[in-house]
Amino acid sequence: MVQCIRAASWYATSFRPLSRCMGAAVAISLAFAAASPGSAADEATLWEALRSGTHVALLRHAVAPGTGDPANFALDDCGTQRNLSEEGRTQAARIGARFRENGIATARIFSSQWCRCLETARLLEIGQVEELPLLNSFFADSDRRGPQTEGLKRWLAGQEKKAPLVLVTHQVNITALTGIHPGSGEMVVIRRPETGEIEVAGTIAAD
């Protein structure tokens, strides 16, 4: 495979035929098609994967100005937290509309217990929202990153593939799980893990 990739690169400058590498080139193209941003066809593939139930949408909460949470943060008091702005609420509603436009009117939705995530999840209006502590932010407690991420992998591996699955969480959680740093309202689509390993299919931008 490495030889074929090198040969393909050489071909781009020499224009010589590489028929023996065409099979490998096609395989590479198919493998990475869904992960290439900016294409309507690629995005359609991701939505189809989500509809099928074989993939999961990891959604970063919508726009909530600032970083982290105030010093007096309390999980049960939204007034102490960094919350969605009006822009964020509008963004969350638009994301929900995009789910419906792409054939997902109902889904299983799990959310971090942070208010900005719960509000994002509810504004999607595509299903009943369930709180899942494994999706809670560990921005202020990095020691939880490893154990919590491994716990989420195990949880994902145990979910049935009966319906579309949406997880609303934080940037740090998504980055720890996938290596991708999503923007507010951005989705990272992953294949449902069966062995605990995470495979990223691609991303869907918020707007």
N, C-alpha and C. Protein backbone atom coordinates (compact mmCIF):
# COMPACT_ATOMS: atom_id res chain seq x y z
N MET A 1 0.83 -1.20 0.00
CA MET A 1 0.00 0.00 0.00
C MET A 1 0.87 1.26 0.00
N VAL A 2 1.90 1.28 0.83
CA VAL A 2 2.80 2.43 0.87
C VAL A 2 3.44 2.65 -0.48
N GLN A 3 3.83 1.52 -1.14
CA GLN A 3 4.45 1.65 -2.45
C GLN A 3 3.48 2.26 -3.45
N CYS A 4 2.19 1.88 -3.34
CA CYS A 4 1.19 2.42 -4.26
C CYS A 4 0.96 3.90 -4.03
N ILE A 5 0.94 4.30 -2.77
CA ILE A 5 0.76 5.72 -2.46
C ILE A 5 1.93 6.52 -3.01
N ARG A 6 3.17 6.00 -2.79
CA ARG A 6 4.35 6.69 -3.33
C ARG A 6 4.29 6.75 -4.85
N ALA A 7 3.82 5.64 -5.44
CA ALA A 7 3.74 5.60 -6.89
C ALA A 7 2.72 6.60 -7.40
N ALA A 8 1.59 6.72 -6.68
CA ALA A 8 0.57 7.68 -7.08
C ALA A 8 1.12 9.10 -7.04
N SER A 9 1.92 9.39 -6.02
CA SER A 9 2.54 10.71 -5.92
C SER A 9 3.49 10.95 -7.08
N TRP A 10 4.28 9.92 -7.42
CA TRP A 10 5.22 10.02 -8.54
C TRP A 10 4.47 10.22 -9.85
N TYR A 11 3.32 9.53 -9.97
CA TYR A 11 2.53 9.62 -11.19
C TYR A 11 2.02 11.05 -11.42
N ALA A 12 1.71 11.74 -10.33
CA ALA A 12 1.17 13.09 -10.45
C ALA A 12 2.15 14.02 -11.16
N THR A 13 3.45 13.72 -11.07
CA THR A 13 4.45 14.58 -11.70
C THR A 13 4.97 14.00 -13.01
N SER A 14 4.87 12.68 -13.21
CA SER A 14 5.46 12.08 -14.41
C SER A 14 4.41 11.68 -15.44
N PHE A 15 3.10 11.55 -15.01
CA PHE A 15 2.02 11.17 -15.91
C PHE A 15 2.22 9.80 -16.55
N ARG A 16 2.88 8.88 -15.87
CA ARG A 16 3.04 7.53 -16.39
C ARG A 16 1.94 6.64 -15.82
N PRO A 17 1.47 5.63 -16.55
CA PRO A 17 0.37 4.77 -16.08
C PRO A 17 0.79 3.96 -14.87
N LEU A 18 -0.18 3.77 -13.99
CA LEU A 18 0.06 2.96 -12.80
C LEU A 18 -1.12 2.01 -12.61
N SER A 19 -1.40 1.20 -13.58
CA SER A 19 -2.57 0.35 -13.54
C SER A 19 -2.56 -0.60 -12.36
N ARG A 20 -1.39 -1.04 -11.95
CA ARG A 20 -1.33 -1.99 -10.85
C ARG A 20 -1.68 -1.34 -9.52
N CYS A 21 -1.65 0.00 -9.47
CA CYS A 21 -1.97 0.70 -8.22
C CYS A 21 -3.38 1.24 -8.20
N MET A 22 -4.13 1.09 -9.30
CA MET A 22 -5.44 1.69 -9.36
C MET A 22 -6.38 1.13 -8.29
N GLY A 23 -6.29 -0.18 -8.05
CA GLY A 23 -7.15 -0.78 -7.04
C GLY A 23 -6.90 -0.17 -5.68
N ALA A 24 -5.63 0.02 -5.35
CA ALA A 24 -5.29 0.62 -4.05
C ALA A 24 -5.75 2.06 -3.99
N ALA A 25 -5.61 2.80 -5.09
CA ALA A 25 -6.02 4.20 -5.11
C ALA A 25 -7.52 4.33 -4.88
N VAL A 26 -8.31 3.45 -5.52
CA VAL A 26 -9.75 3.47 -5.33
C VAL A 26 -10.11 3.16 -3.89
N ALA A 27 -9.43 2.18 -3.30
CA ALA A 27 -9.70 1.82 -1.91
C ALA A 27 -9.42 2.98 -0.98
N ILE A 28 -8.31 3.68 -1.22
CA ILE A 28 -7.96 4.84 -0.40
C ILE A 28 -9.03 5.91 -0.53
N SER A 29 -9.47 6.16 -1.77
CA SER A 29 -10.49 7.18 -2.00
C SER A 29 -11.77 6.87 -1.25
N LEU A 30 -12.22 5.62 -1.31
CA LEU A 30 -13.44 5.22 -0.63
C LEU A 30 -13.29 5.31 0.88
N ALA A 31 -12.15 4.95 1.37
CA ALA A 31 -11.95 4.94 2.82
C ALA A 31 -12.00 6.32 3.41
N PHE A 32 -11.53 7.32 2.65
CA PHE A 32 -11.44 8.66 3.19
C PHE A 32 -12.50 9.62 2.65
N ALA A 33 -13.41 9.14 1.83
CA ALA A 33 -14.40 10.03 1.22
C ALA A 33 -15.25 10.73 2.26
N ALA A 34 -15.73 9.96 3.24
CA ALA A 34 -16.62 10.56 4.24
C ALA A 34 -15.90 11.54 5.13
N ALA A 35 -14.59 11.40 5.26
CA ALA A 35 -13.84 12.27 6.16
C ALA A 35 -13.36 13.55 5.49
N SER A 36 -13.64 13.71 4.19
CA SER A 36 -13.18 14.90 3.48
C SER A 36 -14.25 15.98 3.58
N PRO A 37 -13.97 17.09 4.30
CA PRO A 37 -14.97 18.12 4.52
C PRO A 37 -15.25 18.92 3.26
N GLY A 38 -16.41 19.61 3.27
CA GLY A 38 -16.70 20.57 2.23
C GLY A 38 -17.45 20.00 1.04
N SER A 39 -17.82 18.74 1.05
CA SER A 39 -18.53 18.14 -0.08
C SER A 39 -19.92 17.73 0.34
N ALA A 40 -20.93 18.13 -0.48
CA ALA A 40 -22.31 17.75 -0.17
C ALA A 40 -22.47 16.24 -0.21
N ALA A 41 -21.78 15.58 -1.16
CA ALA A 41 -21.87 14.13 -1.24
C ALA A 41 -21.30 13.47 0.01
N ASP A 42 -20.18 13.99 0.50
CA ASP A 42 -19.57 13.44 1.71
C ASP A 42 -20.51 13.60 2.89
N GLU A 43 -21.13 14.77 3.03
CA GLU A 43 -22.04 15.01 4.14
C GLU A 43 -23.26 14.09 4.03
N ALA A 44 -23.74 13.88 2.82
CA ALA A 44 -24.87 12.98 2.63
C ALA A 44 -24.54 11.56 3.10
N THR A 45 -23.30 11.15 2.86
CA THR A 45 -22.85 9.83 3.31
C THR A 45 -22.88 9.74 4.83
N LEU A 46 -22.47 10.81 5.51
CA LEU A 46 -22.47 10.82 6.96
C LEU A 46 -23.89 10.77 7.51
N TRP A 47 -24.81 11.54 6.92
CA TRP A 47 -26.19 11.51 7.37
C TRP A 47 -26.80 10.12 7.16
N GLU A 48 -26.47 9.50 6.05
CA GLU A 48 -26.97 8.14 5.79
C GLU A 48 -26.45 7.17 6.86
N ALA A 49 -25.19 7.33 7.23
CA ALA A 49 -24.61 6.47 8.27
C ALA A 49 -25.31 6.67 9.61
N LEU A 50 -25.64 7.93 9.92
CA LEU A 50 -26.35 8.21 11.17
C LEU A 50 -27.76 7.62 11.15
N ARG A 51 -28.44 7.75 10.01
CA ARG A 51 -29.79 7.17 9.90
C ARG A 51 -29.77 5.66 10.09
N SER A 52 -28.72 5.03 9.63
CA SER A 52 -28.65 3.56 9.67
C SER A 52 -28.51 3.01 11.08
N GLY A 53 -28.06 3.85 12.01
CA GLY A 53 -27.84 3.38 13.37
C GLY A 53 -26.47 2.77 13.60
N THR A 54 -25.64 2.70 12.56
CA THR A 54 -24.31 2.11 12.70
C THR A 54 -23.28 3.13 13.18
N HIS A 55 -23.66 4.41 13.16
CA HIS A 55 -22.75 5.49 13.55
C HIS A 55 -23.38 6.37 14.62
N VAL A 56 -22.54 7.17 15.27
CA VAL A 56 -22.97 8.02 16.38
C VAL A 56 -22.56 9.47 16.08
N ALA A 57 -23.45 10.42 16.41
CA ALA A 57 -23.12 11.84 16.30
C ALA A 57 -22.65 12.34 17.65
N LEU A 58 -21.40 12.79 17.70
CA LEU A 58 -20.86 13.46 18.88
C LEU A 58 -20.99 14.95 18.63
N LEU A 59 -21.91 15.59 19.32
CA LEU A 59 -22.22 16.99 19.06
C LEU A 59 -21.68 17.88 20.18
N ARG A 60 -20.81 18.81 19.82
CA ARG A 60 -20.39 19.80 20.81
C ARG A 60 -21.53 20.79 21.01
N HIS A 61 -21.79 21.16 22.25
CA HIS A 61 -22.87 22.10 22.54
C HIS A 61 -22.75 23.35 21.67
N ALA A 62 -23.88 24.02 21.47
CA ALA A 62 -23.92 25.22 20.64
C ALA A 62 -23.19 26.38 21.32
N VAL A 63 -23.16 27.51 20.63
CA VAL A 63 -22.36 28.67 21.07
C VAL A 63 -22.70 29.10 22.50
N ALA A 64 -21.69 29.09 23.35
CA ALA A 64 -21.79 29.54 24.74
C ALA A 64 -20.54 30.37 25.01
N PRO A 65 -20.62 31.68 24.90
CA PRO A 65 -19.43 32.53 24.99
C PRO A 65 -18.61 32.29 26.26
N GLY A 66 -17.29 32.34 26.10
CA GLY A 66 -16.39 32.17 27.22
C GLY A 66 -15.65 30.84 27.17
N THR A 67 -14.93 30.56 28.26
CA THR A 67 -14.16 29.32 28.38
C THR A 67 -14.36 28.75 29.76
N GLY A 68 -14.55 27.44 29.84
CA GLY A 68 -14.71 26.81 31.15
C GLY A 68 -15.98 27.31 31.84
N ASP A 69 -15.94 27.37 33.16
CA ASP A 69 -17.08 27.82 33.95
C ASP A 69 -16.62 28.76 35.05
N PRO A 70 -17.54 29.59 35.57
CA PRO A 70 -17.17 30.51 36.66
C PRO A 70 -16.68 29.76 37.90
N ALA A 71 -16.00 30.47 38.77
CA ALA A 71 -15.43 29.86 39.98
C ALA A 71 -16.51 29.30 40.90
N ASN A 72 -17.70 29.88 40.84
CA ASN A 72 -18.79 29.41 41.73
C ASN A 72 -19.69 28.39 41.05
N PHE A 73 -19.16 27.72 40.04
CA PHE A 73 -19.93 26.73 39.27
C PHE A 73 -20.60 25.70 40.17
N ALA A 74 -21.89 25.45 39.88
CA ALA A 74 -22.64 24.39 40.56
C ALA A 74 -23.45 23.65 39.51
N LEU A 75 -23.35 22.33 39.52
CA LEU A 75 -23.98 21.52 38.48
C LEU A 75 -25.50 21.69 38.46
N ASP A 76 -26.09 21.91 39.63
CA ASP A 76 -27.55 22.01 39.72
C ASP A 76 -28.07 23.44 39.65
N ASP A 77 -27.23 24.38 39.27
CA ASP A 77 -27.63 25.78 39.21
C ASP A 77 -27.12 26.40 37.91
N CYS A 78 -28.01 26.51 36.92
CA CYS A 78 -27.61 27.04 35.62
C CYS A 78 -27.12 28.48 35.73
N GLY A 79 -27.58 29.21 36.75
CA GLY A 79 -27.16 30.59 36.93
C GLY A 79 -25.69 30.74 37.25
N THR A 80 -25.03 29.66 37.65
CA THR A 80 -23.60 29.72 37.97
C THR A 80 -22.74 29.24 36.81
N GLN A 81 -23.36 28.86 35.71
CA GLN A 81 -22.63 28.23 34.62
C GLN A 81 -22.50 29.15 33.40
N ARG A 82 -21.63 28.75 32.50
CA ARG A 82 -21.55 29.39 31.18
C ARG A 82 -22.63 28.78 30.30
N ASN A 83 -23.54 29.59 29.84
CA ASN A 83 -24.72 29.08 29.14
C ASN A 83 -24.77 29.51 27.68
N LEU A 84 -25.72 28.95 26.95
CA LEU A 84 -25.90 29.32 25.55
C LEU A 84 -26.31 30.78 25.45
N SER A 85 -25.80 31.44 24.42
CA SER A 85 -26.25 32.78 24.08
C SER A 85 -27.47 32.63 23.17
N GLU A 86 -28.07 33.76 22.80
CA GLU A 86 -29.18 33.70 21.84
C GLU A 86 -28.71 33.09 20.53
N GLU A 87 -27.48 33.44 20.14
CA GLU A 87 -26.90 32.84 18.94
C GLU A 87 -26.81 31.33 19.10
N GLY A 88 -26.41 30.88 20.29
CA GLY A 88 -26.29 29.45 20.53
C GLY A 88 -27.64 28.75 20.48
N ARG A 89 -28.67 29.38 21.02
CA ARG A 89 -30.01 28.77 20.98
C ARG A 89 -30.51 28.66 19.54
N THR A 90 -30.27 29.71 18.78
CA THR A 90 -30.66 29.68 17.37
C THR A 90 -29.89 28.60 16.62
N GLN A 91 -28.61 28.51 16.92
CA GLN A 91 -27.76 27.50 16.29
C GLN A 91 -28.26 26.09 16.60
N ALA A 92 -28.59 25.84 17.87
CA ALA A 92 -29.07 24.52 18.27
C ALA A 92 -30.36 24.15 17.54
N ALA A 93 -31.26 25.11 17.40
CA ALA A 93 -32.51 24.87 16.69
C ALA A 93 -32.24 24.56 15.22
N ARG A 94 -31.27 25.27 14.61
CA ARG A 94 -30.92 25.00 13.21
C ARG A 94 -30.34 23.60 13.05
N ILE A 95 -29.53 23.18 14.01
CA ILE A 95 -28.95 21.83 13.95
C ILE A 95 -30.06 20.78 13.99
N GLY A 96 -31.04 21.00 14.87
CA GLY A 96 -32.17 20.08 14.94
C GLY A 96 -32.93 20.02 13.62
N ALA A 97 -33.10 21.18 12.98
CA ALA A 97 -33.77 21.22 11.68
C ALA A 97 -32.99 20.42 10.65
N ARG A 98 -31.67 20.49 10.72
CA ARG A 98 -30.86 19.73 9.76
C ARG A 98 -31.01 18.22 9.97
N PHE A 99 -31.13 17.80 11.23
CA PHE A 99 -31.40 16.38 11.47
C PHE A 99 -32.69 15.97 10.78
N ARG A 100 -33.75 16.75 10.97
CA ARG A 100 -35.04 16.41 10.39
C ARG A 100 -35.00 16.46 8.87
N GLU A 101 -34.31 17.46 8.33
CA GLU A 101 -34.18 17.57 6.87
C GLU A 101 -33.46 16.37 6.27
N ASN A 102 -32.62 15.74 7.08
CA ASN A 102 -31.85 14.57 6.61
C ASN A 102 -32.44 13.26 7.08
N GLY A 103 -33.74 13.27 7.38
CA GLY A 103 -34.45 12.03 7.65
C GLY A 103 -34.36 11.50 9.06
N ILE A 104 -33.88 12.32 10.01
CA ILE A 104 -33.81 11.88 11.40
C ILE A 104 -34.74 12.76 12.22
N ALA A 105 -35.99 12.32 12.35
CA ALA A 105 -36.98 13.07 13.11
C ALA A 105 -36.96 12.69 14.58
N THR A 106 -36.48 11.48 14.86
CA THR A 106 -36.36 11.02 16.25
C THR A 106 -35.03 10.30 16.41
N ALA A 107 -34.46 10.44 17.58
CA ALA A 107 -33.18 9.78 17.88
C ALA A 107 -33.08 9.57 19.38
N ARG A 108 -32.17 8.71 19.78
CA ARG A 108 -31.81 8.58 21.19
C ARG A 108 -30.80 9.68 21.47
N ILE A 109 -31.10 10.53 22.44
CA ILE A 109 -30.22 11.65 22.74
C ILE A 109 -29.75 11.57 24.19
N PHE A 110 -28.44 11.59 24.36
CA PHE A 110 -27.83 11.61 25.68
C PHE A 110 -27.00 12.89 25.79
N SER A 111 -26.97 13.45 26.99
CA SER A 111 -26.30 14.74 27.16
C SER A 111 -25.49 14.79 28.44
N SER A 112 -24.44 15.59 28.38
CA SER A 112 -23.75 16.02 29.59
C SER A 112 -24.78 16.70 30.50
N GLN A 113 -24.50 16.70 31.79
CA GLN A 113 -25.41 17.33 32.74
C GLN A 113 -25.20 18.85 32.83
N TRP A 114 -24.22 19.39 32.12
CA TRP A 114 -24.02 20.84 32.07
C TRP A 114 -25.21 21.48 31.35
N CYS A 115 -25.65 22.64 31.84
CA CYS A 115 -26.85 23.28 31.31
C CYS A 115 -26.74 23.61 29.82
N ARG A 116 -25.56 24.04 29.36
CA ARG A 116 -25.43 24.40 27.95
C ARG A 116 -25.57 23.19 27.04
N CYS A 117 -25.20 22.02 27.53
CA CYS A 117 -25.38 20.79 26.74
C CYS A 117 -26.84 20.35 26.76
N LEU A 118 -27.45 20.36 27.94
CA LEU A 118 -28.85 19.96 28.06
C LEU A 118 -29.75 20.87 27.22
N GLU A 119 -29.48 22.17 27.23
CA GLU A 119 -30.30 23.08 26.45
C GLU A 119 -30.11 22.82 24.96
N THR A 120 -28.86 22.61 24.54
CA THR A 120 -28.60 22.27 23.14
C THR A 120 -29.38 21.04 22.74
N ALA A 121 -29.31 19.99 23.56
CA ALA A 121 -29.97 18.73 23.26
C ALA A 121 -31.48 18.90 23.14
N ARG A 122 -32.06 19.66 24.04
CA ARG A 122 -33.52 19.85 24.03
C ARG A 122 -33.97 20.68 22.84
N LEU A 123 -33.17 21.68 22.47
CA LEU A 123 -33.53 22.53 21.34
C LEU A 123 -33.44 21.80 20.00
N LEU A 124 -32.79 20.65 19.96
CA LEU A 124 -32.76 19.85 18.73
C LEU A 124 -34.17 19.37 18.38
N GLU A 125 -34.96 19.08 19.40
CA GLU A 125 -36.34 18.63 19.24
C GLU A 125 -36.43 17.39 18.36
N ILE A 126 -35.58 16.41 18.66
CA ILE A 126 -35.65 15.15 17.93
C ILE A 126 -35.73 13.95 18.88
N GLY A 127 -36.09 14.22 20.13
CA GLY A 127 -36.24 13.10 21.05
C GLY A 127 -36.08 13.51 22.50
N GLN A 128 -36.46 12.61 23.38
CA GLN A 128 -36.31 12.82 24.82
C GLN A 128 -34.83 12.80 25.20
N VAL A 129 -34.43 13.77 26.00
CA VAL A 129 -33.02 13.89 26.38
C VAL A 129 -32.77 13.17 27.69
N GLU A 130 -31.73 12.32 27.70
CA GLU A 130 -31.32 11.61 28.91
C GLU A 130 -29.95 12.11 29.35
N GLU A 131 -29.79 12.35 30.63
CA GLU A 131 -28.50 12.79 31.16
C GLU A 131 -27.55 11.60 31.26
N LEU A 132 -26.30 11.82 30.88
CA LEU A 132 -25.28 10.78 30.94
C LEU A 132 -24.00 11.38 31.54
N PRO A 133 -23.71 11.11 32.81
CA PRO A 133 -22.53 11.69 33.46
C PRO A 133 -21.22 11.42 32.73
N LEU A 134 -21.13 10.34 31.96
CA LEU A 134 -19.91 10.06 31.20
C LEU A 134 -19.61 11.14 30.17
N LEU A 135 -20.61 11.98 29.87
CA LEU A 135 -20.42 13.06 28.90
C LEU A 135 -20.08 14.38 29.58
N ASN A 136 -20.02 14.40 30.91
CA ASN A 136 -19.72 15.63 31.65
C ASN A 136 -18.30 16.12 31.36
N SER A 137 -18.13 17.42 31.39
CA SER A 137 -16.82 18.01 31.10
C SER A 137 -15.78 17.66 32.18
N PHE A 138 -14.55 17.41 31.73
CA PHE A 138 -13.43 17.26 32.67
C PHE A 138 -12.39 18.34 32.42
N PHE A 139 -12.87 19.48 31.86
CA PHE A 139 -11.99 20.61 31.57
C PHE A 139 -11.21 21.05 32.81
N ALA A 140 -11.90 21.06 33.97
CA ALA A 140 -11.26 21.54 35.20
C ALA A 140 -10.65 20.41 36.02
N ASP A 141 -10.72 19.19 35.51
CA ASP A 141 -10.19 18.03 36.26
C ASP A 141 -9.62 17.02 35.26
N SER A 142 -8.43 17.29 34.77
CA SER A 142 -7.84 16.45 33.72
C SER A 142 -7.57 15.02 34.16
N ASP A 143 -7.54 14.75 35.46
CA ASP A 143 -7.33 13.38 35.93
C ASP A 143 -8.48 12.47 35.52
N ARG A 144 -9.63 13.05 35.24
CA ARG A 144 -10.78 12.25 34.85
C ARG A 144 -10.77 11.90 33.36
N ARG A 145 -9.90 12.53 32.61
CA ARG A 145 -9.90 12.35 31.15
C ARG A 145 -9.79 10.87 30.75
N GLY A 146 -8.76 10.19 31.23
CA GLY A 146 -8.54 8.81 30.83
C GLY A 146 -9.66 7.87 31.27
N PRO A 147 -9.95 7.79 32.57
CA PRO A 147 -10.99 6.86 33.03
C PRO A 147 -12.35 7.15 32.42
N GLN A 148 -12.70 8.42 32.30
CA GLN A 148 -14.02 8.76 31.78
C GLN A 148 -14.13 8.42 30.29
N THR A 149 -13.06 8.69 29.54
CA THR A 149 -13.07 8.38 28.11
C THR A 149 -13.17 6.88 27.89
N GLU A 150 -12.44 6.09 28.67
CA GLU A 150 -12.52 4.64 28.55
C GLU A 150 -13.91 4.14 28.93
N GLY A 151 -14.50 4.77 29.94
CA GLY A 151 -15.86 4.40 30.34
C GLY A 151 -16.86 4.69 29.24
N LEU A 152 -16.69 5.80 28.54
CA LEU A 152 -17.59 6.14 27.45
C LEU A 152 -17.43 5.15 26.29
N LYS A 153 -16.21 4.74 26.02
CA LYS A 153 -15.99 3.73 24.97
C LYS A 153 -16.75 2.45 25.29
N ARG A 154 -16.66 2.02 26.54
CA ARG A 154 -17.37 0.79 26.94
C ARG A 154 -18.87 0.98 26.83
N TRP A 155 -19.35 2.16 27.23
CA TRP A 155 -20.78 2.43 27.14
C TRP A 155 -21.24 2.38 25.68
N LEU A 156 -20.48 3.00 24.80
CA LEU A 156 -20.83 3.01 23.38
C LEU A 156 -20.87 1.60 22.81
N ALA A 157 -19.89 0.78 23.18
CA ALA A 157 -19.82 -0.58 22.66
C ALA A 157 -21.01 -1.41 23.09
N GLY A 158 -21.66 -1.03 24.18
CA GLY A 158 -22.78 -1.80 24.69
C GLY A 158 -24.13 -1.35 24.19
N GLN A 159 -24.19 -0.29 23.37
CA GLN A 159 -25.47 0.22 22.90
C GLN A 159 -25.97 -0.54 21.66
N GLU A 160 -27.27 -0.81 21.64
CA GLU A 160 -27.86 -1.49 20.50
C GLU A 160 -27.97 -0.54 19.32
N LYS A 161 -27.89 -1.10 18.13
CA LYS A 161 -27.92 -0.29 16.91
C LYS A 161 -29.34 -0.23 16.35
N LYS A 162 -30.26 0.22 17.18
CA LYS A 162 -31.67 0.23 16.77
C LYS A 162 -32.13 1.57 16.22
N ALA A 163 -31.49 2.64 16.60
CA ALA A 163 -31.94 3.97 16.21
C ALA A 163 -30.76 4.92 16.17
N PRO A 164 -30.92 6.05 15.47
CA PRO A 164 -29.85 7.06 15.49
C PRO A 164 -29.51 7.47 16.92
N LEU A 165 -28.23 7.69 17.17
CA LEU A 165 -27.75 8.01 18.51
C LEU A 165 -26.97 9.32 18.47
N VAL A 166 -27.37 10.26 19.33
CA VAL A 166 -26.73 11.57 19.40
C VAL A 166 -26.24 11.82 20.81
N LEU A 167 -24.97 12.17 20.96
CA LEU A 167 -24.39 12.48 22.26
C LEU A 167 -23.97 13.95 22.26
N VAL A 168 -24.55 14.74 23.17
CA VAL A 168 -24.24 16.16 23.26
C VAL A 168 -23.27 16.37 24.42
N THR A 169 -22.11 16.90 24.11
CA THR A 169 -21.06 16.98 25.13
C THR A 169 -20.16 18.19 24.88
N HIS A 170 -18.93 18.11 25.36
CA HIS A 170 -18.00 19.24 25.36
C HIS A 170 -16.82 18.97 24.43
N GLN A 171 -16.13 20.05 24.07
CA GLN A 171 -14.96 19.91 23.19
C GLN A 171 -13.92 18.97 23.78
N VAL A 172 -13.61 19.11 25.07
CA VAL A 172 -12.55 18.28 25.65
C VAL A 172 -12.89 16.80 25.59
N ASN A 173 -14.16 16.48 25.76
CA ASN A 173 -14.58 15.08 25.73
C ASN A 173 -14.46 14.51 24.32
N ILE A 174 -14.92 15.30 23.34
CA ILE A 174 -14.85 14.83 21.95
C ILE A 174 -13.40 14.69 21.49
N THR A 175 -12.57 15.65 21.88
CA THR A 175 -11.15 15.59 21.50
C THR A 175 -10.47 14.39 22.12
N ALA A 176 -10.77 14.10 23.39
CA ALA A 176 -10.16 12.95 24.05
C ALA A 176 -10.56 11.64 23.38
N LEU A 177 -11.79 11.59 22.87
CA LEU A 177 -12.29 10.36 22.27
C LEU A 177 -11.84 10.19 20.83
N THR A 178 -11.71 11.31 20.09
CA THR A 178 -11.47 11.21 18.64
C THR A 178 -10.20 11.90 18.15
N GLY A 179 -9.63 12.79 18.96
CA GLY A 179 -8.48 13.57 18.50
C GLY A 179 -8.87 14.79 17.70
N ILE A 180 -10.17 15.02 17.50
CA ILE A 180 -10.66 16.16 16.72
C ILE A 180 -11.10 17.27 17.67
N HIS A 181 -10.80 18.52 17.29
CA HIS A 181 -11.17 19.69 18.10
C HIS A 181 -12.34 20.37 17.41
N PRO A 182 -13.60 20.03 17.76
CA PRO A 182 -14.76 20.57 17.05
C PRO A 182 -15.10 21.99 17.49
N GLY A 183 -15.70 22.74 16.58
CA GLY A 183 -16.22 24.05 16.93
C GLY A 183 -17.57 23.91 17.61
N SER A 184 -18.10 25.01 18.12
CA SER A 184 -19.41 25.00 18.75
C SER A 184 -20.47 24.53 17.76
N GLY A 185 -21.26 23.55 18.15
CA GLY A 185 -22.31 23.04 17.29
C GLY A 185 -21.84 22.10 16.20
N GLU A 186 -20.56 21.78 16.17
CA GLU A 186 -20.03 20.86 15.15
C GLU A 186 -20.21 19.42 15.60
N MET A 187 -20.48 18.54 14.63
CA MET A 187 -20.65 17.12 14.92
C MET A 187 -19.46 16.31 14.40
N VAL A 188 -19.01 15.38 15.20
CA VAL A 188 -18.04 14.39 14.76
C VAL A 188 -18.78 13.07 14.69
N VAL A 189 -18.77 12.45 13.53
CA VAL A 189 -19.49 11.20 13.32
C VAL A 189 -18.52 10.04 13.43
N ILE A 190 -18.84 9.10 14.33
CA ILE A 190 -17.98 7.94 14.52
C ILE A 190 -18.76 6.65 14.28
N ARG A 191 -18.04 5.62 13.86
CA ARG A 191 -18.65 4.30 13.75
C ARG A 191 -18.81 3.73 15.16
N ARG A 192 -19.93 3.10 15.41
CA ARG A 192 -20.14 2.51 16.73
C ARG A 192 -19.08 1.46 17.00
N PRO A 193 -18.34 1.62 18.08
CA PRO A 193 -17.25 0.66 18.35
C PRO A 193 -17.78 -0.67 18.84
N GLU A 194 -17.18 -1.73 18.37
CA GLU A 194 -17.54 -3.08 18.85
C GLU A 194 -16.41 -3.65 19.70
N THR A 195 -15.22 -3.10 19.53
CA THR A 195 -14.06 -3.61 20.29
C THR A 195 -13.51 -2.54 21.22
N GLY A 196 -14.16 -1.37 21.27
CA GLY A 196 -13.66 -0.28 22.10
C GLY A 196 -12.87 0.75 21.33
N GLU A 197 -12.45 0.41 20.09
CA GLU A 197 -11.68 1.36 19.29
C GLU A 197 -12.63 2.32 18.56
N ILE A 198 -12.26 3.59 18.49
CA ILE A 198 -13.08 4.61 17.87
C ILE A 198 -12.60 4.87 16.45
N GLU A 199 -13.53 4.85 15.51
CA GLU A 199 -13.21 5.13 14.11
C GLU A 199 -14.01 6.34 13.66
N VAL A 200 -13.33 7.41 13.30
CA VAL A 200 -14.00 8.64 12.87
C VAL A 200 -14.37 8.52 11.39
N ALA A 201 -15.65 8.79 11.08
CA ALA A 201 -16.11 8.77 9.70
C ALA A 201 -15.99 10.14 9.06
N GLY A 202 -16.16 11.20 9.84
CA GLY A 202 -16.07 12.55 9.31
C GLY A 202 -16.73 13.55 10.24
N THR A 203 -16.83 14.79 9.80
CA THR A 203 -17.43 15.84 10.62
C THR A 203 -18.49 16.57 9.80
N ILE A 204 -19.47 17.15 10.52
CA ILE A 204 -20.51 17.97 9.92
C ILE A 204 -20.47 19.32 10.60
N ALA A 205 -20.15 20.36 9.85
CA ALA A 205 -20.03 21.70 10.42
C ALA A 205 -21.39 22.20 10.89
N ALA A 206 -21.36 23.14 11.82
CA ALA A 206 -22.60 23.64 12.41
C ALA A 206 -23.43 24.40 11.39
N ASP A 207 -22.81 25.18 10.55
CA ASP A 207 -23.55 26.03 9.61
C ASP A 207 -23.07 25.80 8.18
